Amino acid sequence: MISIIVATNRKGATSAKIANHYLHLFQSKGAEVQLLDMQDLPNSMLHNLMYSLEGQDKDLSNIQDKYLIGATKMLFVVPEYNGSFPGIVKLFIDACSIRSNAENFRGKRAAIVGVSSGRAGNLRGMEHLTGVLNYLGVCVMPNRLPISVVESLLNEEGSITDEGTLKAIEQQIEEFIKF
């Protein structure tokens, strides 16, 4: 099972549009895939007892079971926030590290897609997230795809129209399925 993770909780995020494009492409290739949007995380997960096993939110545990423990691979669609990746992703990873840490991450494989309005496609954020995932024992695929000036690549319906970007996404998916 592949879990696609929309790495922002911002309402109406462009990252969600990119993640949905990946979801449909994986499905068209027969891959077993699911999508977790950080926007759907429970607000109750953030409290001062979240770093204790007894204090972990039950809804968060269910999400963890389905999208982390139940997955063999993860694909992160990561927007650029202040030169890195969104804090909600780090909060999610930290909260899930309290229970079943090894089953969540160790030995799993990941791919990362960086998304930005600027020119660098969140290269720095992808590097930061790679470091965190490597620390947790996740093997990150070397082909990390930066998608720059993302708004100019989408049509009014939110679909990607740029042929070069579509080709790069297709190549990354093919490599990730084999990874």
C-alpha atoms as a PDB file:
ATOM      1  CA  MET A   1       0.000   0.000   0.000  1.00  0.00           C
ATOM      2  CA  ILE A   2       1.242   3.466  -0.919  1.00  0.00           C
ATOM      3  CA  SER A   3       0.158   6.390   1.252  1.00  0.00           C
ATOM      4  CA  ILE A   4       0.230   9.765  -0.462  1.00  0.00           C
ATOM      5  CA  ILE A   5       0.567  12.500   2.148  1.00  0.00           C
ATOM      6  CA  VAL A   6      -0.494  16.072   1.417  1.00  0.00           C
ATOM      7  CA  ALA A   7       2.053  17.768   3.648  1.00  0.00           C
ATOM      8  CA  THR A   8       0.067  20.887   4.527  1.00  0.00           C
ATOM      9  CA  ASN A   9      -3.140  21.563   6.390  1.00  0.00           C
ATOM     10  CA  ARG A  10      -3.823  24.750   4.428  1.00  0.00           C
ATOM     11  CA  LYS A  11      -7.365  24.800   3.057  1.00  0.00           C
ATOM     12  CA  GLY A  12      -7.467  24.757  -0.760  1.00  0.00           C
ATOM     13  CA  ALA A  13      -3.758  23.957  -1.040  1.00  0.00           C
ATOM     14  CA  THR A  14      -2.190  23.484  -4.458  1.00  0.00           C
ATOM     15  CA  SER A  15      -0.311  20.522  -2.965  1.00  0.00           C
ATOM     16  CA  ALA A  16      -3.627  18.663  -2.683  1.00  0.00           C
ATOM     17  CA  LYS A  17      -4.218  19.136  -6.419  1.00  0.00           C
ATOM     18  CA  ILE A  18      -0.778  17.711  -7.180  1.00  0.00           C
ATOM     19  CA  ALA A  19      -1.362  14.825  -4.745  1.00  0.00           C
ATOM     20  CA  ASN A  20      -4.676  13.982  -6.423  1.00  0.00           C
ATOM     21  CA  HIS A  21      -2.905  13.878  -9.786  1.00  0.00           C
ATOM     22  CA  TYR A  22      -0.466  11.327  -8.311  1.00  0.00           C
ATOM     23  CA  LEU A  23      -3.351   9.369  -6.773  1.00  0.00           C
ATOM     24  CA  HIS A  24      -5.094   8.980 -10.139  1.00  0.00           C
ATOM     25  CA  LEU A  25      -1.877   8.022 -11.925  1.00  0.00           C
ATOM     26  CA  PHE A  26      -1.036   5.371  -9.335  1.00  0.00           C
ATOM     27  CA  GLN A  27      -4.585   4.012  -9.565  1.00  0.00           C
ATOM     28  CA  SER A  28      -4.370   3.884 -13.374  1.00  0.00           C
ATOM     29  CA  LYS A  29      -1.279   1.683 -12.976  1.00  0.00           C
ATOM     30  CA  GLY A  30      -3.109  -0.700 -10.633  1.00  0.00           C
ATOM     31  CA  ALA A  31      -1.216   0.384  -7.519  1.00  0.00           C
ATOM     32  CA  GLU A  32      -2.906   0.104  -4.155  1.00  0.00           C
ATOM     33  CA  VAL A  33      -2.895   3.710  -2.954  1.00  0.00           C
ATOM     34  CA  GLN A  34      -4.565   5.970  -0.406  1.00  0.00           C
ATOM     35  CA  LEU A  35      -4.423   9.693   0.304  1.00  0.00           C
ATOM     36  CA  LEU A  36      -3.923  11.433   3.639  1.00  0.00           C
ATOM     37  CA  ASP A  37      -4.481  15.180   3.631  1.00  0.00           C
ATOM     38  CA  MET A  38      -2.973  16.883   6.688  1.00  0.00           C
ATOM     39  CA  GLN A  39      -6.079  19.099   6.600  1.00  0.00           C
ATOM     40  CA  ASP A  40      -8.003  16.046   7.898  1.00  0.00           C
ATOM     41  CA  LEU A  41      -5.851  15.565  10.998  1.00  0.00           C
ATOM     42  CA  PRO A  42      -7.804  15.870  14.246  1.00  0.00           C
ATOM     43  CA  ASN A  43      -7.398  19.170  16.070  1.00  0.00           C
ATOM     44  CA  SER A  44      -7.426  17.167  19.302  1.00  0.00           C
ATOM     45  CA  MET A  45      -3.983  15.694  18.528  1.00  0.00           C
ATOM     46  CA  LEU A  46      -2.230  18.897  19.616  1.00  0.00           C
ATOM     47  CA  HIS A  47      -2.001  19.135  23.388  1.00  0.00           C
ATOM     48  CA  ASN A  48       0.637  19.000  26.081  1.00  0.00           C
ATOM     49  CA  LEU A  49       0.222  15.230  26.659  1.00  0.00           C
ATOM     50  CA  MET A  50       0.639  14.243  23.003  1.00  0.00           C
ATOM     51  CA  TYR A  51       4.168  12.985  23.675  1.00  0.00           C
ATOM     52  CA  SER A  52       2.988  10.286  26.059  1.00  0.00           C
ATOM     53  CA  LEU A  53       1.445   6.988  25.017  1.00  0.00           C
ATOM     54  CA  GLU A  54      -1.537   7.575  27.301  1.00  0.00           C
ATOM     55  CA  GLY A  55      -2.079  11.053  25.893  1.00  0.00           C
ATOM     56  CA  GLN A  56      -2.166  10.102  22.220  1.00  0.00           C
ATOM     57  CA  ASP A  57      -5.403  11.000  20.495  1.00  0.00           C
ATOM     58  CA  LYS A  58      -7.481   7.953  19.424  1.00  0.00           C
ATOM     59  CA  ASP A  59      -8.293   9.502  16.038  1.00  0.00           C
ATOM     60  CA  LEU A  60      -4.588  10.060  15.437  1.00  0.00           C
ATOM     61  CA  SER A  61      -3.899   6.413  16.348  1.00  0.00           C
ATOM     62  CA  ASN A  62      -6.446   5.302  13.740  1.00  0.00           C
ATOM     63  CA  ILE A  63      -4.815   7.520  11.097  1.00  0.00           C
ATOM     64  CA  GLN A  64      -1.412   6.183  12.097  1.00  0.00           C
ATOM     65  CA  ASP A  65      -2.624   2.574  11.767  1.00  0.00           C
ATOM     66  CA  LYS A  66      -4.112   3.151   8.323  1.00  0.00           C
ATOM     67  CA  TYR A  67      -1.648   5.507   6.640  1.00  0.00           C
ATOM     68  CA  LEU A  68       1.695   4.683   8.277  1.00  0.00           C
ATOM     69  CA  ILE A  69       1.637   1.196   9.760  1.00  0.00           C
ATOM     70  CA  GLY A  70      -0.610  -0.053   6.939  1.00  0.00           C
ATOM     71  CA  ALA A  71       1.662   1.330   4.216  1.00  0.00           C
ATOM     72  CA  THR A  72       4.868  -0.024   2.748  1.00  0.00           C
ATOM     73  CA  LYS A  73       5.626   3.200   0.874  1.00  0.00           C
ATOM     74  CA  MET A  74       4.850   6.885   1.359  1.00  0.00           C
ATOM     75  CA  LEU A  75       4.870   9.726  -1.125  1.00  0.00           C
ATOM     76  CA  PHE A  76       5.024  13.203   0.397  1.00  0.00           C
ATOM     77  CA  VAL A  77       3.770  16.207  -1.592  1.00  0.00           C
ATOM     78  CA  VAL A  78       5.521  19.010   0.255  1.00  0.00           C
ATOM     79  CA  PRO A  79       4.941  22.732  -0.279  1.00  0.00           C
ATOM     80  CA  GLU A  80       7.625  25.251   0.580  1.00  0.00           C
ATOM     81  CA  TYR A  81       6.938  27.051   3.855  1.00  0.00           C
ATOM     82  CA  ASN A  82       9.561  29.564   4.923  1.00  0.00           C
ATOM     83  CA  GLY A  83      12.409  27.768   3.190  1.00  0.00           C
ATOM     84  CA  SER A  84      11.496  24.297   4.444  1.00  0.00           C
ATOM     85  CA  PHE A  85       8.519  21.989   4.860  1.00  0.00           C
ATOM     86  CA  PRO A  86       5.304  22.736   6.816  1.00  0.00           C
ATOM     87  CA  GLY A  87       5.432  22.301  10.578  1.00  0.00           C
ATOM     88  CA  ILE A  88       2.272  20.174  10.535  1.00  0.00           C
ATOM     89  CA  VAL A  89       4.285  17.360   8.917  1.00  0.00           C
ATOM     90  CA  LYS A  90       6.908  17.440  11.664  1.00  0.00           C
ATOM     91  CA  LEU A  91       4.164  17.588  14.298  1.00  0.00           C
ATOM     92  CA  PHE A  92       2.450  14.583  12.701  1.00  0.00           C
ATOM     93  CA  ILE A  93       5.699  12.597  12.514  1.00  0.00           C
ATOM     94  CA  ASP A  94       6.570  13.495  16.113  1.00  0.00           C
ATOM     95  CA  ALA A  95       3.104  12.577  17.404  1.00  0.00           C
ATOM     96  CA  CYS A  96       3.165   9.239  15.563  1.00  0.00           C
ATOM     97  CA  SER A  97       6.650   8.451  16.854  1.00  0.00           C
ATOM     98  CA  ILE A  98       5.269   7.872  20.351  1.00  0.00           C
ATOM     99  CA  ARG A  99       3.387   4.673  19.492  1.00  0.00           C
ATOM    100  CA  SER A 100       4.774   1.889  17.272  1.00  0.00           C
ATOM    101  CA  ASN A 101       7.669   4.001  16.033  1.00  0.00           C
ATOM    102  CA  ALA A 102       9.461   1.174  14.243  1.00  0.00           C
ATOM    103  CA  GLU A 103       6.287  -0.037  12.486  1.00  0.00           C
ATOM    104  CA  ASN A 104       5.536   3.509  11.312  1.00  0.00           C
ATOM    105  CA  PHE A 105       8.792   4.248   9.581  1.00  0.00           C
ATOM    106  CA  ARG A 106      11.714   1.807   9.841  1.00  0.00           C
ATOM    107  CA  GLY A 107      12.441  -0.014   6.598  1.00  0.00           C
ATOM    108  CA  LYS A 108       9.768   1.809   4.610  1.00  0.00           C
ATOM    109  CA  ARG A 109      10.383   3.628   1.355  1.00  0.00           C
ATOM    110  CA  ALA A 110       9.414   7.167   0.482  1.00  0.00           C
ATOM    111  CA  ALA A 111       9.323   9.565  -2.429  1.00  0.00           C
ATOM    112  CA  ILE A 112       9.153  13.331  -2.111  1.00  0.00           C
ATOM    113  CA  VAL A 113       7.624  15.927  -4.402  1.00  0.00           C
ATOM    114  CA  GLY A 114       8.464  19.563  -3.636  1.00  0.00           C
ATOM    115  CA  VAL A 115       5.962  22.240  -4.606  1.00  0.00           C
ATOM    116  CA  SER A 116       6.554  25.970  -4.666  1.00  0.00           C
ATOM    117  CA  SER A 117       5.384  29.191  -6.207  1.00  0.00           C
ATOM    118  CA  GLY A 118       9.020  30.176  -6.607  1.00  0.00           C
ATOM    119  CA  ARG A 119      11.794  28.828  -8.769  1.00  0.00           C
ATOM    120  CA  ALA A 120      13.398  26.171  -6.580  1.00  0.00           C
ATOM    121  CA  GLY A 121      10.535  23.700  -6.157  1.00  0.00           C
ATOM    122  CA  ASN A 122      11.194  23.469  -2.404  1.00  0.00           C
ATOM    123  CA  LEU A 123      14.620  21.873  -2.797  1.00  0.00           C
ATOM    124  CA  ARG A 124      15.628  22.869   0.719  1.00  0.00           C
ATOM    125  CA  GLY A 125      12.402  21.548   2.257  1.00  0.00           C
ATOM    126  CA  MET A 126      12.791  18.234   0.458  1.00  0.00           C
ATOM    127  CA  GLU A 127      16.336  17.984   1.814  1.00  0.00           C
ATOM    128  CA  HIS A 128      15.153  18.757   5.358  1.00  0.00           C
ATOM    129  CA  LEU A 129      12.355  16.177   5.180  1.00  0.00           C
ATOM    130  CA  THR A 130      14.765  13.607   3.719  1.00  0.00           C
ATOM    131  CA  GLY A 131      17.008  14.082   6.754  1.00  0.00           C
ATOM    132  CA  VAL A 132      14.107  13.524   9.165  1.00  0.00           C
ATOM    133  CA  LEU A 133      12.878  10.447   7.295  1.00  0.00           C
ATOM    134  CA  ASN A 134      16.389   8.973   7.040  1.00  0.00           C
ATOM    135  CA  TYR A 135      16.809   9.448  10.793  1.00  0.00           C
ATOM    136  CA  LEU A 136      13.631   7.404  11.294  1.00  0.00           C
ATOM    137  CA  GLY A 137      14.952   4.587   9.092  1.00  0.00           C
ATOM    138  CA  VAL A 138      13.017   5.454   5.930  1.00  0.00           C
ATOM    139  CA  CYS A 139      14.811   4.973   2.617  1.00  0.00           C
ATOM    140  CA  VAL A 140      14.055   8.023   0.456  1.00  0.00           C
ATOM    141  CA  MET A 141      14.150   7.566  -3.303  1.00  0.00           C
ATOM    142  CA  PRO A 142      16.903   9.698  -4.852  1.00  0.00           C
ATOM    143  CA  ASN A 143      14.574  11.061  -7.564  1.00  0.00           C
ATOM    144  CA  ARG A 144      12.965  13.848  -5.538  1.00  0.00           C
ATOM    145  CA  LEU A 145      10.888  15.977  -7.878  1.00  0.00           C
ATOM    146  CA  PRO A 146      10.865  19.768  -7.438  1.00  0.00           C
ATOM    147  CA  ILE A 147       7.833  21.409  -9.051  1.00  0.00           C
ATOM    148  CA  SER A 148       8.495  25.136  -9.423  1.00  0.00           C
ATOM    149  CA  VAL A 149       6.108  28.004 -10.260  1.00  0.00           C
ATOM    150  CA  VAL A 150       3.334  25.497  -9.692  1.00  0.00           C
ATOM    151  CA  GLU A 151       0.418  27.863 -10.260  1.00  0.00           C
ATOM    152  CA  SER A 152       1.558  28.448 -13.854  1.00  0.00           C
ATOM    153  CA  LEU A 153       1.445  24.692 -14.528  1.00  0.00           C
ATOM    154  CA  LEU A 154      -2.234  24.237 -13.613  1.00  0.00           C
ATOM    155  CA  ASN A 155      -5.373  25.016 -15.583  1.00  0.00           C
ATOM    156  CA  GLU A 156      -8.551  26.483 -14.061  1.00  0.00           C
ATOM    157  CA  GLU A 157      -9.722  23.025 -12.950  1.00  0.00           C
ATOM    158  CA  GLY A 158      -6.445  22.479 -11.097  1.00  0.00           C
ATOM    159  CA  SER A 159      -5.060  19.920 -13.549  1.00  0.00           C
ATOM    160  CA  ILE A 160      -1.415  19.952 -14.586  1.00  0.00           C
ATOM    161  CA  THR A 161      -1.036  21.103 -18.173  1.00  0.00           C
ATOM    162  CA  ASP A 162       2.740  21.352 -18.568  1.00  0.00           C
ATOM    163  CA  GLU A 163       4.042  18.433 -20.657  1.00  0.00           C
ATOM    164  CA  GLY A 164       7.525  18.468 -19.098  1.00  0.00           C
ATOM    165  CA  THR A 165       6.071  18.287 -15.594  1.00  0.00           C
ATOM    166  CA  LEU A 166       3.663  15.511 -16.577  1.00  0.00           C
ATOM    167  CA  LYS A 167       6.562  13.513 -18.035  1.00  0.00           C
ATOM    168  CA  ALA A 168       8.703  14.029 -14.901  1.00  0.00           C
ATOM    169  CA  ILE A 169       5.812  12.904 -12.663  1.00  0.00           C
ATOM    170  CA  GLU A 170       5.239   9.822 -14.808  1.00  0.00           C
ATOM    171  CA  GLN A 171       8.946   8.925 -14.579  1.00  0.00           C
ATOM    172  CA  GLN A 172       8.992   9.413 -10.805  1.00  0.00           C
ATOM    173  CA  ILE A 173       5.915   7.191 -10.385  1.00  0.00           C
ATOM    174  CA  GLU A 174       7.409   4.440 -12.525  1.00  0.00           C
ATOM    175  CA  GLU A 175      10.623   4.533 -10.494  1.00  0.00           C
ATOM    176  CA  PHE A 176       8.727   4.609  -7.189  1.00  0.00           C
ATOM    177  CA  ILE A 177       6.610   1.579  -8.054  1.00  0.00           C
ATOM    178  CA  LYS A 178       9.839  -0.367  -8.703  1.00  0.00           C
ATOM    179  CA  PHE A 179      11.702   1.157  -5.699  1.00  0.00           C
END
